[in-house]
Amino acid sequence: EGMDLVLEEIKTFNKGLEPIGQPYWATSKEKRDSGLQRAGSVVVAFPTEIQANRAIKNRLLIAGISTKVVKYHTISSTAQYTKYTGYGHLDSICKKDPKCLLYGKEHVTENHFCSIYKKKVIQEPWIIVRDSTNRGYHSIIHPSYFQILPNYSTLRPRTLVYIARELQASLAQNSPSDPDYLIIDLSLGVLKMQLINFYNAVYPEDPNNILTILREDILPTTLLDSSLLLGDFNTYYPW
């Protein structure tokens, strides 16, 4: 899509530069066709580092326009960006202001410190698949917390608990095999308690679906003396 012309323009109007291979779009077709994108990025290869550095330093003249050139960086789509929520992005080249991944404040997550909040109970967390088998998930990583997810690895979990690393906590034995329901055992000195994290989802067309939790089945049959139920109950819905 016009890449032969890009090659010809570079060779004709940029002395001493001989691009190799076939250039390709770095900007997605969806963005290019949206009508909102006035400029895009193209990946071009040069045979030597000298030529590449010359293009970066002097820019490229294409269609009478002096175009900016930067080094192309490859990064895995699963590499977590540390300045704000996102993956497949390089911290070193991003010019956006940082956002804390936990609270959205104007600082990088690693600079977030909270001496009060030792547990963070979340429903509908931002989730990434750990591997290509879809078995193994995790959310935004923070050095001060570890994550506990449901005892169900086949479907995307919709409950998650962050626990401060100095606390003792683990997935409870009575935590059900369900992506929307999570029970953890928590030790606070001599106090032993359970946290129950619940996401209420209902699919009327299939009442026996694994994604559905009946209201009467929310609580386990046996509760510790100290137990806390937290969740997104979707009580504004008619069910």
Protein backbone atom coordinates (compact mmCIF):
# COMPACT_ATOMS: atom_id res chain seq x y z
CA GLU A 1 0.00 0.00 0.00
CA GLY A 2 2.29 2.73 -1.32
CA MET A 3 5.43 1.18 0.14
CA ASP A 4 7.21 0.94 -3.20
CA LEU A 5 6.79 4.71 -3.49
CA VAL A 6 8.26 5.18 0.01
CA LEU A 7 11.33 3.17 -1.01
CA GLU A 8 11.72 5.16 -4.21
CA GLU A 9 11.38 8.51 -2.38
CA ILE A 10 14.04 7.55 0.17
CA LYS A 11 16.50 6.40 -2.48
CA THR A 12 15.91 9.42 -4.73
CA PHE A 13 15.84 12.30 -2.27
CA ASN A 14 18.07 11.07 0.57
CA LYS A 15 21.65 10.82 -0.67
CA GLY A 16 23.62 7.79 0.44
CA LEU A 17 20.67 5.91 1.92
CA GLU A 18 19.71 2.54 0.44
CA PRO A 19 16.82 0.98 2.39
CA ILE A 20 16.48 -2.79 2.23
CA GLY A 21 13.52 -5.11 2.45
CA GLN A 22 9.92 -3.99 2.22
CA PRO A 23 8.72 -1.17 4.50
CA TYR A 24 5.51 -1.81 6.43
CA TRP A 25 3.01 0.15 8.46
CA ALA A 26 3.49 0.42 12.22
CA THR A 27 0.18 2.29 12.45
CA SER A 28 -2.78 -0.08 12.37
CA LYS A 29 -5.11 -0.11 9.37
CA GLU A 30 -8.01 0.66 11.69
CA LYS A 31 -6.41 3.94 12.73
CA ARG A 32 -5.36 4.79 9.19
CA ASP A 33 -8.91 4.28 7.91
CA SER A 34 -10.61 6.06 10.80
CA GLY A 35 -10.39 9.50 9.20
CA LEU A 36 -8.97 10.85 12.46
CA GLN A 37 -5.34 9.89 11.83
CA ARG A 38 -3.45 12.65 10.02
CA ALA A 39 -0.06 10.93 10.24
CA GLY A 40 1.26 7.41 10.63
CA SER A 41 4.44 5.46 11.19
CA VAL A 42 6.28 3.22 8.74
CA VAL A 43 9.09 0.79 9.58
CA VAL A 44 12.08 0.98 7.21
CA ALA A 45 15.28 -1.08 7.41
CA PHE A 46 18.79 0.01 6.39
CA PRO A 47 21.74 -2.29 5.64
CA THR A 48 24.12 -0.66 8.13
CA GLU A 49 23.93 1.11 11.47
CA ILE A 50 25.73 4.06 9.87
CA GLN A 51 22.91 4.58 7.39
CA ALA A 52 20.28 4.12 10.08
CA ASN A 53 21.94 6.69 12.35
CA ARG A 54 22.26 9.11 9.45
CA ALA A 55 18.53 8.82 8.78
CA ILE A 56 17.77 9.40 12.47
CA LYS A 57 20.06 12.43 12.65
CA ASN A 58 19.12 14.09 9.35
CA ARG A 59 15.47 12.94 9.02
CA LEU A 60 14.08 11.58 5.75
CA LEU A 61 12.70 13.61 2.88
CA ILE A 62 9.57 11.82 1.62
CA ALA A 63 7.01 13.42 -0.71
CA GLY A 64 8.60 16.81 -0.07
CA ILE A 65 8.14 16.49 3.70
CA SER A 66 11.00 16.25 6.20
CA THR A 67 9.89 13.30 8.31
CA LYS A 68 11.09 12.45 11.80
CA VAL A 69 13.02 9.17 12.18
CA VAL A 70 13.47 7.22 15.41
CA LYS A 71 15.00 3.87 16.20
CA TYR A 72 12.51 1.00 16.08
CA HIS A 73 12.26 -0.87 19.38
CA THR A 74 10.76 -4.34 19.63
CA ILE A 75 8.95 -5.30 22.81
CA SER A 76 6.74 -8.19 23.82
CA SER A 77 3.01 -7.46 23.92
CA THR A 78 2.95 -8.95 27.43
CA ALA A 79 5.71 -6.72 28.85
CA GLN A 80 4.10 -4.50 31.48
CA TYR A 81 4.51 -0.76 31.19
CA THR A 82 5.41 0.79 34.54
CA LYS A 83 4.31 4.41 34.07
CA TYR A 84 0.60 3.73 33.63
CA THR A 85 -1.78 0.88 32.83
CA GLY A 86 -0.75 -0.88 29.66
CA TYR A 87 1.39 -3.53 28.05
CA GLY A 88 3.72 -3.69 25.08
CA HIS A 89 5.08 -0.19 25.62
CA LEU A 90 8.54 1.21 26.34
CA ASP A 91 9.02 3.46 29.36
CA SER A 92 12.16 5.00 27.89
CA ILE A 93 10.47 6.55 24.86
CA CYS A 94 7.04 7.47 26.22
CA LYS A 95 6.43 11.16 26.89
CA LYS A 96 3.10 10.81 28.69
CA ASP A 97 2.78 11.80 32.33
CA PRO A 98 2.91 8.85 34.74
CA LYS A 99 -0.16 7.41 36.43
CA CYS A 100 -0.07 5.19 39.49
CA LEU A 101 -1.37 1.76 38.47
CA LEU A 102 -3.12 1.36 41.83
CA TYR A 103 -4.77 4.75 42.34
CA GLY A 104 -4.26 6.76 39.16
CA LYS A 105 -2.37 9.56 40.89
CA GLU A 106 0.41 11.57 39.24
CA HIS A 107 3.33 9.32 40.16
CA VAL A 108 4.81 6.05 38.97
CA THR A 109 3.55 2.96 40.78
CA GLU A 110 6.91 2.13 42.32
CA ASN A 111 6.78 5.44 44.19
CA HIS A 112 3.39 4.64 45.70
CA PHE A 113 3.54 3.88 49.38
CA CYS A 114 0.55 3.37 51.60
CA SER A 115 1.03 2.33 55.21
CA ILE A 116 -2.72 2.00 55.85
CA TYR A 117 -4.04 -0.20 53.07
CA LYS A 118 -2.66 -3.70 53.51
CA LYS A 119 -5.38 -5.45 51.53
CA LYS A 120 -7.05 -4.40 48.30
CA VAL A 121 -10.13 -6.36 47.24
CA ILE A 122 -11.03 -5.89 43.58
CA GLN A 123 -13.84 -7.00 41.29
CA GLU A 124 -13.51 -6.94 37.50
CA PRO A 125 -9.71 -6.43 37.64
CA TRP A 126 -7.61 -5.60 34.62
CA ILE A 127 -6.25 -9.03 33.64
CA ILE A 128 -3.60 -10.34 31.28
CA VAL A 129 -3.10 -13.97 30.29
CA ARG A 130 0.20 -15.26 31.61
CA ASP A 131 0.79 -17.72 28.76
CA SER A 132 -0.65 -18.93 25.47
CA THR A 133 -2.55 -21.82 27.07
CA ASN A 134 -4.97 -19.39 28.76
CA ARG A 135 -4.15 -21.07 32.05
CA GLY A 136 -2.61 -18.59 34.38
CA TYR A 137 -3.62 -14.98 34.83
CA HIS A 138 -2.28 -11.96 36.65
CA SER A 139 -3.12 -8.29 37.00
CA ILE A 140 -1.04 -5.15 37.48
CA ILE A 141 2.11 -6.00 39.42
CA HIS A 142 3.17 -3.96 42.45
CA PRO A 143 6.35 -4.63 44.46
CA SER A 144 4.58 -4.11 47.81
CA TYR A 145 1.79 -6.62 47.19
CA PHE A 146 1.25 -10.15 45.99
CA GLN A 147 -1.90 -11.29 44.20
CA ILE A 148 -4.38 -14.02 45.06
CA LEU A 149 -6.78 -15.07 42.31
CA PRO A 150 -9.65 -17.59 42.24
CA ASN A 151 -9.26 -21.34 42.21
CA TYR A 152 -10.29 -21.49 38.56
CA SER A 153 -7.84 -21.05 35.72
CA THR A 154 -9.93 -21.71 32.61
CA LEU A 155 -11.90 -18.45 32.48
CA ARG A 156 -10.83 -14.88 33.07
CA PRO A 157 -11.10 -14.18 36.82
CA ARG A 158 -13.34 -11.34 37.92
CA THR A 159 -12.19 -11.28 41.52
CA LEU A 160 -8.73 -10.48 42.88
CA VAL A 161 -7.12 -9.61 46.21
CA TYR A 162 -3.86 -7.71 46.70
CA ILE A 163 -2.11 -8.53 49.97
CA ALA A 164 0.80 -6.59 51.47
CA ARG A 165 3.88 -8.79 51.41
CA GLU A 166 4.42 -8.54 55.17
CA LEU A 167 1.06 -10.25 55.83
CA GLN A 168 0.35 -13.97 55.83
CA ALA A 169 -2.46 -14.90 53.47
CA SER A 170 -3.38 -17.73 51.13
CA LEU A 171 -6.24 -19.11 49.09
CA ALA A 172 -8.62 -20.86 51.50
CA GLN A 173 -9.30 -24.57 51.16
CA ASN A 174 -13.01 -23.83 50.93
CA SER A 175 -12.55 -21.29 48.13
CA PRO A 176 -14.81 -22.58 45.33
CA SER A 177 -13.76 -23.46 41.81
CA ASP A 178 -15.25 -20.37 40.22
CA PRO A 179 -13.76 -17.28 38.51
CA ASP A 180 -16.22 -14.92 40.25
CA TYR A 181 -15.71 -16.10 43.83
CA LEU A 182 -12.63 -16.01 46.02
CA ILE A 183 -12.01 -16.82 49.70
CA ILE A 184 -8.67 -16.20 51.37
CA ASP A 185 -7.31 -17.08 54.80
CA LEU A 186 -5.65 -14.13 56.49
CA SER A 187 -3.50 -14.11 59.63
CA LEU A 188 -3.24 -10.87 61.59
CA GLY A 189 -1.16 -11.87 64.57
CA VAL A 190 -3.37 -14.06 66.75
CA LEU A 191 -6.44 -13.13 64.72
CA LYS A 192 -7.43 -15.56 61.97
CA MET A 193 -10.04 -14.38 59.50
CA GLN A 194 -11.41 -14.99 56.03
CA LEU A 195 -12.02 -12.45 53.28
CA ILE A 196 -14.72 -13.37 50.78
CA ASN A 197 -14.55 -11.56 47.44
CA PHE A 198 -17.57 -11.98 45.21
CA TYR A 199 -18.71 -10.75 41.80
CA ASN A 200 -22.42 -11.20 41.14
CA ALA A 201 -23.03 -12.10 37.50
CA VAL A 202 -26.25 -13.60 36.21
CA TYR A 203 -26.93 -15.12 32.80
CA PRO A 204 -30.70 -15.75 32.67
CA GLU A 205 -30.48 -17.78 29.47
CA ASP A 206 -28.30 -20.36 31.20
CA PRO A 207 -28.95 -20.52 34.97
CA ASN A 208 -26.48 -23.37 35.42
CA ASN A 209 -23.60 -21.58 33.73
CA ILE A 210 -20.30 -21.61 35.66
CA LEU A 211 -20.32 -17.81 35.35
CA THR A 212 -23.45 -17.62 37.51
CA ILE A 213 -23.44 -17.64 41.30
CA LEU A 214 -26.79 -18.07 43.01
CA ARG A 215 -27.34 -15.61 45.84
CA GLU A 216 -28.09 -18.33 48.36
CA ASP A 217 -24.71 -19.91 47.58
CA ILE A 218 -22.59 -16.82 48.23
CA LEU A 219 -21.47 -17.75 51.73
CA PRO A 220 -19.60 -20.96 52.55
CA THR A 221 -21.38 -23.44 54.83
CA THR A 222 -18.87 -22.78 57.62
CA LEU A 223 -17.64 -19.31 58.54
CA LEU A 224 -14.81 -18.29 60.83
CA ASP A 225 -15.73 -16.05 63.75
CA SER A 226 -14.02 -13.23 61.87
CA SER A 227 -15.18 -13.15 58.25
CA LEU A 228 -15.73 -10.28 55.86
CA LEU A 229 -17.83 -10.42 52.68
CA LEU A 230 -16.91 -7.90 49.98
CA GLY A 231 -17.97 -7.71 46.37
CA ASP A 232 -19.69 -6.15 43.42
CA PHE A 233 -23.28 -7.29 43.95
CA ASN A 234 -24.84 -5.51 40.96
CA THR A 235 -27.84 -4.68 43.15
CA TYR A 236 -29.11 -2.05 40.70
CA TYR A 237 -30.16 -4.88 38.38
CA PRO A 238 -33.62 -6.48 38.81
CA TRP A 239 -32.38 -10.01 39.51
